[in-house]
Amino acid sequence: MKGAVAWRRRLLDWFDRHRRHLPWRATTDPYRLWVAETLAQQTQAARAAAYYERFVERFPTVEALAAADLAEVLKQWEGLGYYQRARRLHEAARQACAERGGALPRAAAEWRRLPGVGDYTAAAVASMAFGEPVAAIDGNVRRVLSRVAATEIGDSLARQLAVTRALAQALVAGARPGDVNQALMELGATVCRPRRPRCDACPLAAACAARRAALTTIYPLRPPRKARPARPFACLLIQCDDRRLVVRRMATKLLGGLWEFPTIACREGEDCRAAAERGLRDLGLPCRRIQPGTALTHDFTHFRQTLQTFLVEVEAAGDPAGVEAQWATEARLAELPLTQVARRLVSRAGLGAGRGLTGR
């Protein structure tokens, strides 16, 4: 592609001078790069870096990760969100150890055969660890190159992606393909930002069609954003002495494998109090007292959860029906991999006898 050689040189010169010091940039170990790229998906690099240090300290090799219990992996991931990434990383590590003796792939095509490894992660690891000239296209890279190429506004998203991919592949088809991929990611994260791009600091500014047309803010082209629906839930903070009842979410569901306070989705036309009482009946736990507590919201990718808590006192810590559950002390809750909502509730107050999480 015309201009690719000069653009690659400018990118690499810029990257050598301005790259951030992220912990995984000091290694070509494919396992550590794989962990880093998985952590960094849909996460800011600085936040991913803090998790990365702890994660590779606890699981320094693919064999150590494969040997770990999933609950321990989820605990290390707690608070980062998108827990399916952690489950798939753990599953893929076990598969690599069972089928390959712990040897990780070299080529992107082989990486894609592991659970949870998509085109981006496969290309990123293969290029950075083994120098394979394959483009790694994440949101940052797509934004940079869609602005440089600036396809017609009326073009389909498929056409825009095809042009972006062709340009990215041309850029990595030369020296230091892993660094070229990282340079594009870095450029999108620090300079070619979604809002107020710093065009004066961009090594590709002279080649950028969107900049010349003063249209940087409309790229990349995207479909209209759909409204995020709100869904009401009741959350049961069931207490017996200094313990709270927590239940484990099914592995096949959203946030599978994590622990939470019993949470019940309200049926159509059902208020939260009725949903809470229905949830208690399903658990088979007769209560001594129930009162409403704090309300909060939590955003998921496709919906907003509106949560009404209820403080429930029971006479005895019985075995609830139909769920994997435990009665947890404050110390035990600190050890469990909790959902983000559950951790938010725990942080509001202690769990001593007679104390609630209502903030009252």
Protein backbone atom coordinates (compact mmCIF):
# COMPACT_ATOMS: atom_id res chain seq x y z
CA MET A 1 0.00 0.00 0.00
CA LYS A 2 1.34 3.40 -1.02
CA GLY A 3 2.95 5.23 1.88
CA ALA A 4 3.07 2.22 4.23
CA VAL A 5 6.87 2.10 4.47
CA ALA A 6 7.17 5.78 5.43
CA TRP A 7 4.24 5.55 7.83
CA ARG A 8 5.77 2.49 9.52
CA ARG A 9 9.04 4.35 10.02
CA ARG A 10 7.27 7.37 11.54
CA LEU A 11 5.21 5.14 13.82
CA LEU A 12 8.22 3.25 15.11
CA ASP A 13 10.27 6.42 15.65
CA TRP A 14 7.38 7.92 17.60
CA PHE A 15 6.85 4.72 19.61
CA ASP A 16 10.52 4.49 20.55
CA ARG A 17 10.36 7.99 22.00
CA HIS A 18 6.91 8.08 23.56
CA ARG A 19 5.87 4.57 24.61
CA ARG A 20 4.49 4.19 28.10
CA HIS A 21 6.35 1.92 30.50
CA LEU A 22 3.85 -0.91 30.86
CA PRO A 23 5.09 -4.04 32.69
CA TRP A 24 4.46 -6.48 29.85
CA ARG A 25 6.54 -4.44 27.41
CA ALA A 26 9.69 -5.76 29.05
CA THR A 27 9.01 -9.36 27.97
CA THR A 28 8.53 -11.51 24.89
CA ASP A 29 7.19 -14.42 26.98
CA PRO A 30 4.03 -15.51 25.11
CA TYR A 31 2.25 -16.53 28.31
CA ARG A 32 2.74 -13.14 29.96
CA LEU A 33 1.80 -11.27 26.79
CA TRP A 34 -1.33 -13.41 26.50
CA VAL A 35 -2.29 -12.60 30.09
CA ALA A 36 -1.61 -8.89 29.51
CA GLU A 37 -3.67 -8.69 26.33
CA THR A 38 -6.56 -10.56 27.96
CA LEU A 39 -6.50 -8.24 30.96
CA ALA A 40 -6.29 -5.13 28.80
CA GLN A 41 -9.38 -5.91 26.72
CA GLN A 42 -12.05 -3.29 27.51
CA THR A 43 -9.83 -2.01 30.33
CA GLN A 44 -7.55 1.01 30.59
CA ALA A 45 -3.88 0.07 30.38
CA ALA A 46 -2.95 1.58 33.76
CA ARG A 47 -5.64 -0.44 35.50
CA ALA A 48 -4.73 -3.60 33.61
CA ALA A 49 -1.09 -3.11 34.65
CA ALA A 50 -1.96 -3.28 38.35
CA TYR A 51 -3.88 -6.52 37.86
CA TYR A 52 -1.14 -7.93 35.63
CA GLU A 53 1.53 -7.62 38.32
CA ARG A 54 -0.59 -9.48 40.86
CA PHE A 55 -1.81 -12.08 38.39
CA VAL A 56 1.59 -13.17 37.06
CA GLU A 57 3.02 -13.16 40.57
CA ARG A 58 0.32 -15.63 41.64
CA PHE A 59 0.30 -17.58 38.34
CA PRO A 60 3.80 -17.12 36.85
CA THR A 61 3.45 -19.83 34.18
CA VAL A 62 0.75 -21.42 32.09
CA GLU A 63 1.18 -24.57 34.18
CA ALA A 64 0.53 -22.63 37.41
CA LEU A 65 -2.62 -21.10 35.94
CA ALA A 66 -3.87 -24.45 34.67
CA ALA A 67 -3.33 -26.07 38.08
CA ALA A 68 -5.26 -23.33 39.94
CA ASP A 69 -8.88 -23.58 40.99
CA LEU A 70 -11.23 -21.37 38.97
CA ALA A 71 -12.42 -19.63 42.15
CA GLU A 72 -8.86 -18.51 42.85
CA VAL A 73 -8.50 -17.17 39.31
CA LEU A 74 -11.77 -15.26 39.61
CA LYS A 75 -10.63 -13.82 42.93
CA GLN A 76 -7.51 -12.40 41.26
CA TRP A 77 -9.80 -10.94 38.57
CA GLU A 78 -12.30 -9.44 41.02
CA GLY A 79 -13.34 -5.89 40.19
CA LEU A 80 -12.01 -5.96 36.62
CA GLY A 81 -15.29 -7.06 35.05
CA TYR A 82 -15.96 -9.18 31.97
CA TYR A 83 -15.30 -12.34 33.97
CA GLN A 84 -15.80 -14.57 30.95
CA ARG A 85 -12.27 -13.51 29.97
CA ALA A 86 -10.88 -15.05 33.16
CA ARG A 87 -12.85 -18.27 32.74
CA ARG A 88 -11.73 -18.67 29.14
CA LEU A 89 -8.10 -17.86 30.01
CA HIS A 90 -8.17 -20.57 32.67
CA GLU A 91 -9.85 -23.04 30.32
CA ALA A 92 -7.34 -22.31 27.56
CA ALA A 93 -4.39 -22.77 29.95
CA ARG A 94 -5.73 -26.17 30.94
CA GLN A 95 -6.22 -27.11 27.30
CA ALA A 96 -2.69 -26.00 26.40
CA CYS A 97 -1.25 -28.11 29.21
CA ALA A 98 -3.41 -31.15 28.46
CA GLU A 99 -2.96 -31.13 24.68
CA ARG A 100 0.39 -29.38 24.15
CA GLY A 101 2.31 -30.14 27.34
CA GLY A 102 2.24 -26.45 28.27
CA ALA A 103 3.82 -25.31 24.98
CA LEU A 104 2.01 -22.23 23.69
CA PRO A 105 1.36 -21.62 19.98
CA ARG A 106 3.60 -19.49 17.80
CA ALA A 107 1.27 -18.61 14.92
CA ALA A 108 -1.89 -16.52 15.22
CA ALA A 109 -3.92 -19.24 13.49
CA GLU A 110 -2.92 -21.70 16.22
CA TRP A 111 -3.67 -19.21 19.01
CA ARG A 112 -7.23 -18.84 17.69
CA ARG A 113 -7.86 -22.52 18.41
CA LEU A 114 -7.63 -21.89 22.15
CA PRO A 115 -10.86 -21.02 24.03
CA GLY A 116 -11.53 -17.31 24.25
CA VAL A 117 -8.66 -16.26 21.99
CA GLY A 118 -10.00 -14.07 19.19
CA ASP A 119 -8.39 -12.48 16.18
CA TYR A 120 -7.00 -9.50 18.08
CA THR A 121 -5.36 -11.40 20.94
CA ALA A 122 -3.98 -14.07 18.61
CA ALA A 123 -2.38 -11.45 16.36
CA ALA A 124 -1.08 -9.35 19.23
CA VAL A 125 0.70 -12.26 20.96
CA ALA A 126 2.00 -13.85 17.76
CA SER A 127 3.44 -10.56 16.53
CA MET A 128 4.95 -9.43 19.84
CA ALA A 129 6.30 -12.79 21.02
CA PHE A 130 7.33 -14.35 17.71
CA GLY A 131 7.46 -11.53 15.15
CA GLU A 132 4.65 -12.82 12.95
CA PRO A 133 3.59 -10.03 10.54
CA VAL A 134 -0.11 -10.09 11.36
CA ALA A 135 -2.21 -7.02 12.22
CA ALA A 136 -3.82 -6.77 15.67
CA ILE A 137 -6.87 -4.54 15.39
CA ASP A 138 -8.53 -3.33 18.58
CA GLY A 139 -10.70 -0.27 19.09
CA ASN A 140 -7.71 2.06 19.31
CA VAL A 141 -6.14 0.76 16.09
CA ARG A 142 -9.44 0.89 14.26
CA ARG A 143 -9.94 4.52 15.28
CA VAL A 144 -6.45 5.58 14.18
CA LEU A 145 -6.57 3.90 10.80
CA SER A 146 -10.19 4.73 10.03
CA ARG A 147 -9.22 8.39 10.45
CA VAL A 148 -6.11 8.05 8.33
CA ALA A 149 -8.06 6.30 5.55
CA ALA A 150 -11.33 8.24 6.08
CA THR A 151 -13.59 6.13 3.87
CA GLU A 152 -16.71 7.77 2.50
CA ILE A 153 -19.25 8.63 5.22
CA GLY A 154 -21.91 6.62 3.43
CA ASP A 155 -19.76 3.47 3.24
CA SER A 156 -20.88 0.39 5.11
CA LEU A 157 -19.14 -0.62 8.31
CA ALA A 158 -17.93 -3.75 6.53
CA ARG A 159 -16.25 -1.61 3.86
CA GLN A 160 -14.64 0.60 6.49
CA LEU A 161 -13.32 -2.40 8.41
CA ALA A 162 -11.93 -3.96 5.23
CA VAL A 163 -10.02 -0.77 4.37
CA THR A 164 -8.74 -0.47 7.95
CA ARG A 165 -7.61 -4.10 8.02
CA ALA A 166 -5.79 -3.80 4.69
CA LEU A 167 -3.93 -0.71 5.89
CA ALA A 168 -3.02 -2.34 9.21
CA GLN A 169 -1.70 -5.43 7.43
CA ALA A 170 0.40 -3.30 5.10
CA LEU A 171 1.97 -1.54 8.08
CA VAL A 172 3.03 -4.76 9.86
CA ALA A 173 4.42 -6.33 6.67
CA GLY A 174 7.93 -5.17 7.46
CA ALA A 175 10.33 -4.71 10.36
CA ARG A 176 9.21 -5.06 13.98
CA PRO A 177 5.56 -6.08 13.42
CA GLY A 178 4.89 -6.45 17.14
CA ASP A 179 6.12 -2.93 17.82
CA VAL A 180 4.05 -1.58 14.91
CA ASN A 181 0.93 -3.13 16.46
CA GLN A 182 1.83 -1.67 19.84
CA ALA A 183 2.58 1.72 18.32
CA LEU A 184 -0.87 1.89 16.72
CA MET A 185 -2.52 0.86 20.00
CA GLU A 186 -0.46 3.42 21.90
CA LEU A 187 -1.26 6.15 19.39
CA GLY A 188 -4.99 5.51 19.75
CA ALA A 189 -4.82 5.40 23.55
CA THR A 190 -2.76 8.55 24.09
CA VAL A 191 -2.97 10.80 21.01
CA CYS A 192 -5.69 9.80 18.54
CA ARG A 193 -8.34 9.81 21.26
CA PRO A 194 -12.09 9.50 20.68
CA ARG A 195 -12.62 13.13 21.71
CA ARG A 196 -10.18 16.02 21.30
CA PRO A 197 -7.47 14.08 19.43
CA ARG A 198 -4.00 15.61 19.76
CA CYS A 199 -3.33 15.88 16.03
CA ASP A 200 -0.33 18.15 16.58
CA ALA A 201 1.45 15.26 18.36
CA CYS A 202 0.55 12.54 15.85
CA PRO A 203 3.25 11.03 13.63
CA LEU A 204 0.61 10.24 10.98
CA ALA A 205 -0.99 13.70 10.97
CA ALA A 206 0.27 14.60 7.51
CA ALA A 207 -1.30 11.45 6.06
CA CYS A 208 -4.62 11.70 7.92
CA ALA A 209 -7.56 12.28 5.56
CA ALA A 210 -10.00 12.89 8.42
CA ARG A 211 -7.74 15.61 9.85
CA ARG A 212 -7.48 17.34 6.48
CA ALA A 213 -11.28 17.36 6.21
CA ALA A 214 -11.75 18.41 9.88
CA LEU A 215 -13.89 15.29 10.43
CA THR A 216 -11.89 13.35 13.03
CA THR A 217 -14.77 13.15 15.50
CA ILE A 218 -17.03 11.14 13.18
CA TYR A 219 -14.50 8.31 12.71
CA PRO A 220 -14.70 5.41 13.12
CA LEU A 221 -18.16 5.28 11.58
CA ARG A 222 -20.54 3.38 13.83
CA PRO A 223 -24.22 2.45 13.94
CA PRO A 224 -26.56 4.47 16.20
CA ARG A 225 -26.26 3.44 19.85
CA LYS A 226 -29.25 1.60 21.21
CA ALA A 227 -30.82 2.72 24.47
CA ARG A 228 -29.81 0.57 27.45
CA PRO A 229 -32.95 -0.85 29.09
CA ALA A 230 -33.37 -0.74 32.89
CA ARG A 231 -34.24 -3.99 34.64
CA PRO A 232 -35.39 -4.06 38.28
CA PHE A 233 -34.04 -6.58 40.80
CA ALA A 234 -34.49 -7.32 44.49
CA CYS A 235 -31.38 -8.18 46.51
CA LEU A 236 -31.68 -10.12 49.79
CA LEU A 237 -29.17 -9.29 52.53
CA ILE A 238 -30.02 -12.25 54.73
CA GLN A 239 -28.39 -12.15 58.15
CA CYS A 240 -28.00 -14.65 60.95
CA ASP A 241 -25.83 -13.45 63.82
CA ASP A 242 -22.62 -12.15 62.18
CA ARG A 243 -23.01 -14.07 58.91
CA ARG A 244 -24.60 -13.27 55.57
CA LEU A 245 -26.01 -15.67 53.03
CA VAL A 246 -24.23 -15.62 49.68
CA VAL A 247 -25.00 -17.78 46.66
CA ARG A 248 -22.85 -18.79 43.71
CA ARG A 249 -23.96 -17.84 40.23
CA MET A 250 -24.27 -20.68 37.74
CA ALA A 251 -21.21 -21.08 35.51
CA THR A 252 -23.34 -20.78 32.36
CA LYS A 253 -24.83 -17.40 33.32
CA LEU A 254 -23.55 -13.83 33.30
CA LEU A 255 -20.85 -13.49 35.99
CA GLY A 256 -20.84 -17.27 36.32
CA GLY A 257 -18.84 -18.69 39.22
CA LEU A 258 -18.91 -15.50 41.29
CA TRP A 259 -20.67 -15.12 44.62
CA GLU A 260 -23.42 -12.62 45.35
CA PHE A 261 -26.21 -11.88 47.78
CA PRO A 262 -29.40 -13.60 46.55
CA THR A 263 -30.68 -11.43 43.71
CA ILE A 264 -34.08 -11.87 42.11
CA ALA A 265 -35.19 -10.37 38.80
CA CYS A 266 -38.60 -8.72 39.09
CA ARG A 267 -41.26 -10.17 36.82
CA GLU A 268 -43.29 -7.91 34.59
CA GLY A 269 -45.64 -5.88 36.78
CA GLU A 270 -44.08 -7.19 40.02
CA ASP A 271 -42.67 -4.73 42.54
CA CYS A 272 -39.37 -5.32 44.30
CA ARG A 273 -40.95 -6.21 47.65
CA ALA A 274 -43.02 -8.97 46.04
CA ALA A 275 -39.93 -10.25 44.20
CA ALA A 276 -37.98 -10.30 47.49
CA GLU A 277 -40.70 -12.29 49.24
CA ARG A 278 -40.89 -14.70 46.31
CA GLY A 279 -37.12 -15.16 46.48
CA LEU A 280 -37.30 -15.99 50.19
CA ARG A 281 -40.01 -18.57 49.57
CA ASP A 282 -37.91 -20.20 46.84
CA LEU A 283 -34.93 -20.39 49.20
CA GLY A 284 -37.11 -21.96 51.89
CA LEU A 285 -35.87 -19.64 54.62
CA PRO A 286 -38.58 -18.36 56.98
CA CYS A 287 -37.71 -14.83 57.99
CA ARG A 288 -38.18 -13.00 61.26
CA ARG A 289 -38.09 -9.53 59.71
CA ILE A 290 -37.67 -7.91 56.29
CA GLN A 291 -37.19 -4.23 55.60
CA PRO A 292 -36.10 -2.23 52.55
CA GLY A 293 -32.56 -0.94 52.47
CA THR A 294 -30.49 1.05 50.05
CA ALA A 295 -31.06 1.18 46.31
CA LEU A 296 -28.34 1.31 43.67
CA THR A 297 -27.78 0.89 39.96
CA HIS A 298 -25.13 -1.03 38.05
CA ASP A 299 -24.47 -0.87 34.32
CA PHE A 300 -23.85 -3.99 32.27
CA THR A 301 -23.04 -3.95 28.56
CA HIS A 302 -26.62 -4.41 27.40
CA PHE A 303 -28.76 -3.29 30.33
CA ARG A 304 -28.84 -1.24 33.51
CA GLN A 305 -29.60 -3.11 36.73
CA THR A 306 -31.67 -1.17 39.25
CA LEU A 307 -31.30 -2.92 42.57
CA GLN A 308 -33.44 -2.57 45.69
CA THR A 309 -31.91 -4.25 48.73
CA PHE A 310 -33.86 -5.81 51.59
CA LEU A 311 -32.40 -6.53 55.01
CA VAL A 312 -33.68 -9.94 56.14
CA GLU A 313 -33.27 -11.53 59.56
CA VAL A 314 -33.80 -15.28 59.92
CA GLU A 315 -34.03 -17.44 63.01
CA ALA A 316 -31.46 -20.03 61.94
CA ALA A 317 -28.78 -20.40 59.27
CA GLY A 318 -30.53 -23.17 57.37
CA ASP A 319 -29.60 -24.69 54.03
CA PRO A 320 -31.34 -22.76 51.25
CA ALA A 321 -33.02 -24.74 48.50
CA GLY A 322 -31.91 -24.94 44.89
CA VAL A 323 -28.64 -22.98 45.08
CA GLU A 324 -24.98 -23.38 46.01
CA ALA A 325 -24.71 -21.22 49.10
CA GLN A 326 -22.77 -20.48 52.25
CA TRP A 327 -23.18 -18.33 55.34
CA ALA A 328 -20.16 -16.05 55.25
CA THR A 329 -18.51 -13.94 57.93
CA GLU A 330 -16.92 -10.62 57.07
CA ALA A 331 -13.53 -12.31 56.84
CA ARG A 332 -14.89 -15.00 54.54
CA LEU A 333 -16.50 -12.43 52.26
CA ALA A 334 -13.10 -10.81 51.81
CA GLU A 335 -11.74 -14.13 50.50
CA LEU A 336 -14.56 -14.98 48.07
CA PRO A 337 -14.69 -13.79 44.46
CA LEU A 338 -17.73 -11.54 44.64
CA THR A 339 -19.65 -9.73 41.94
CA GLN A 340 -18.92 -6.03 41.74
CA VAL A 341 -22.37 -5.20 43.13
CA ALA A 342 -21.84 -7.51 46.10
CA ARG A 343 -18.45 -5.98 46.80
CA ARG A 344 -19.99 -2.50 46.67
CA LEU A 345 -22.57 -3.56 49.23
CA VAL A 346 -19.98 -5.12 51.52
CA SER A 347 -17.90 -1.94 51.43
CA ARG A 348 -20.79 0.16 52.76
CA ALA A 349 -20.71 -1.30 56.24
CA GLY A 350 -19.38 -4.12 58.39
CA LEU A 351 -21.19 -7.39 58.94
CA GLY A 352 -21.21 -7.69 62.70
CA ALA A 353 -24.24 -8.94 64.58
CA GLY A 354 -27.17 -6.59 64.27
CA ARG A 355 -25.50 -4.42 61.62
CA GLY A 356 -26.83 -4.16 58.09
CA LEU A 357 -25.71 -3.02 54.71
CA THR A 358 -28.43 -0.46 54.31
CA GLY A 359 -26.25 2.53 55.19
CA ARG A 360 -28.67 3.52 57.95
